[in-house]
Amino acid sequence: MIGKIYLTRVDFYNSRTGRTEQKTRPVLSVGGPNEDDYTILPISTISRRENVNYYYDIPISEQARAALSLDRECFIRMHKQMTAHRGSLIREIGDMRSDVPDLYINAIEKMEEFQNNIVEFSI
């Protein structure tokens, strides 16, 4: 399951309604299982470009999107790590680790950097 892209239901804050809602989105599974939970990274279109973090949001190229069954311009969001139960992973749509290994390694390295920064700034 690690390195694969799944569709899953995730919570998000809707700033228009002021509520937490759910939507189905692609995610990259990067850790687990830990008691049937997986660490995932959301893959988002980020329609409001002012919300793109140009350091921690990794763009997915058109060629990579085709290999991963992603049909819109999107980003892997390193700084938005989440946990998802195995049962919430609706279906697999791609295998980044096998089909786009350079992008997968880049994502893992950027995720490690982000996590190391959390630890460094916490001490």
Protein backbone atom coordinates (compact mmCIF):
# COMPACT_ATOMS: atom_id res chain seq x y z
CA MET A 1 0.00 0.00 0.00
CA ILE A 2 2.94 2.34 0.55
CA GLY A 3 3.73 4.51 -2.45
CA LYS A 4 0.29 4.04 -3.96
CA ILE A 5 -2.34 6.65 -4.68
CA TYR A 6 -5.84 6.05 -3.35
CA LEU A 7 -9.10 7.89 -3.48
CA THR A 8 -10.27 8.52 0.07
CA ARG A 9 -12.72 10.65 2.03
CA VAL A 10 -10.97 13.47 3.88
CA ASP A 11 -12.10 16.31 6.09
CA PHE A 12 -11.51 19.89 4.99
CA TYR A 13 -12.48 23.29 6.33
CA ASN A 14 -14.90 25.11 4.05
CA SER A 15 -14.15 28.79 4.59
CA ARG A 16 -17.38 29.81 2.80
CA THR A 17 -19.63 27.85 5.18
CA GLY A 18 -17.37 27.99 8.25
CA ARG A 19 -17.72 24.21 8.66
CA THR A 20 -15.61 21.11 8.41
CA GLU A 21 -16.86 19.02 5.51
CA GLN A 22 -15.74 15.92 3.62
CA LYS A 23 -14.75 15.30 0.05
CA THR A 24 -13.16 12.52 -1.94
CA ARG A 25 -9.63 13.26 -3.01
CA PRO A 26 -6.52 11.40 -4.12
CA VAL A 27 -3.86 10.80 -1.48
CA LEU A 28 -0.39 9.28 -1.48
CA SER A 29 0.12 6.58 1.15
CA VAL A 30 3.57 7.05 2.74
CA GLY A 31 3.51 5.18 6.06
CA GLY A 32 1.89 2.33 7.93
CA PRO A 33 0.08 0.28 8.65
CA ASN A 34 -0.02 1.21 12.30
CA GLU A 35 -3.11 -0.37 13.87
CA ASP A 36 -4.81 -0.23 10.42
CA ASP A 37 -3.96 3.48 10.04
CA TYR A 38 -1.82 4.88 7.24
CA THR A 39 0.03 8.17 6.99
CA ILE A 40 -1.11 9.91 3.83
CA LEU A 41 -0.30 13.07 1.90
CA PRO A 42 -3.18 14.82 0.15
CA ILE A 43 -2.99 15.48 -3.56
CA SER A 44 -4.81 18.71 -4.33
CA THR A 45 -5.59 20.96 -7.27
CA ILE A 46 -5.23 24.07 -5.04
CA SER A 47 -7.61 26.24 -7.06
CA ARG A 48 -6.61 29.38 -5.14
CA ARG A 49 -2.97 29.81 -6.17
CA GLU A 50 -2.25 32.10 -3.22
CA ASN A 51 -2.59 28.95 -1.08
CA VAL A 52 0.22 27.11 -2.86
CA ASN A 53 3.27 26.63 -0.67
CA TYR A 54 5.97 26.81 -3.32
CA TYR A 55 8.40 24.99 -1.06
CA TYR A 56 6.32 22.13 0.36
CA ASP A 57 3.72 21.64 -2.39
CA ILE A 58 5.28 19.46 -5.09
CA PRO A 59 3.70 19.87 -8.54
CA ILE A 60 2.89 16.67 -10.43
CA SER A 61 3.88 16.95 -14.10
CA GLU A 62 1.44 16.20 -16.90
CA GLN A 63 3.37 13.03 -17.80
CA ALA A 64 3.32 11.81 -14.18
CA ARG A 65 -0.40 12.62 -13.86
CA ALA A 66 -1.13 10.46 -16.90
CA ALA A 67 0.80 7.54 -15.36
CA LEU A 68 -1.07 7.96 -12.06
CA SER A 69 -4.65 8.41 -13.36
CA LEU A 70 -4.77 12.05 -12.23
CA ASP A 71 -6.55 14.23 -14.76
CA ARG A 72 -6.02 17.75 -13.40
CA GLU A 73 -3.05 19.92 -12.51
CA CYS A 74 -2.25 19.05 -8.89
CA PHE A 75 0.29 19.07 -6.08
CA ILE A 76 1.44 16.65 -3.37
CA ARG A 77 1.07 18.61 -0.12
CA MET A 78 3.98 17.69 2.18
CA HIS A 79 2.94 19.98 5.03
CA LYS A 80 -0.64 18.60 5.19
CA GLN A 81 0.10 15.06 6.43
CA MET A 82 -2.91 13.09 7.68
CA THR A 83 -3.80 9.69 9.05
CA ALA A 84 -6.44 7.52 7.41
CA HIS A 85 -7.90 4.20 8.46
CA ARG A 86 -7.42 1.39 5.95
CA GLY A 87 -11.21 1.26 5.45
CA SER A 88 -11.35 4.87 4.25
CA LEU A 89 -9.03 4.17 1.33
CA ILE A 90 -11.75 3.72 -1.29
CA ARG A 91 -9.71 2.41 -4.20
CA GLU A 92 -6.21 2.44 -5.62
CA ILE A 93 -5.78 4.62 -8.70
CA GLY A 94 -2.00 4.65 -9.18
CA ASP A 95 1.38 3.44 -7.97
CA MET A 96 3.79 6.37 -7.67
CA ARG A 97 6.55 4.27 -6.13
CA SER A 98 6.67 1.97 -9.18
CA ASP A 99 5.43 4.15 -12.03
CA VAL A 100 7.03 7.53 -11.18
CA PRO A 101 9.84 6.62 -8.76
CA ASP A 102 11.72 9.94 -9.06
CA LEU A 103 8.63 11.87 -7.98
CA TYR A 104 8.04 9.41 -5.13
CA ILE A 105 11.62 9.76 -3.83
CA ASN A 106 11.39 13.56 -4.14
CA ALA A 107 8.16 13.52 -2.10
CA ILE A 108 9.64 11.29 0.61
CA GLU A 109 12.75 13.46 0.90
CA LYS A 110 10.67 16.64 1.14
CA MET A 111 8.41 14.98 3.73
CA GLU A 112 11.48 13.99 5.78
CA GLU A 113 12.75 17.58 5.63
CA PHE A 114 9.39 18.89 6.79
CA GLN A 115 9.27 16.43 9.70
CA ASN A 116 12.85 17.24 10.70
CA ASN A 117 11.94 20.94 10.76
CA ILE A 118 9.03 20.21 13.09
CA VAL A 119 11.36 18.42 15.51
CA GLU A 120 14.08 21.07 15.24
CA PHE A 121 11.70 23.95 15.96
CA SER A 122 10.03 22.03 18.81
CA ILE A 123 13.18 21.54 20.86
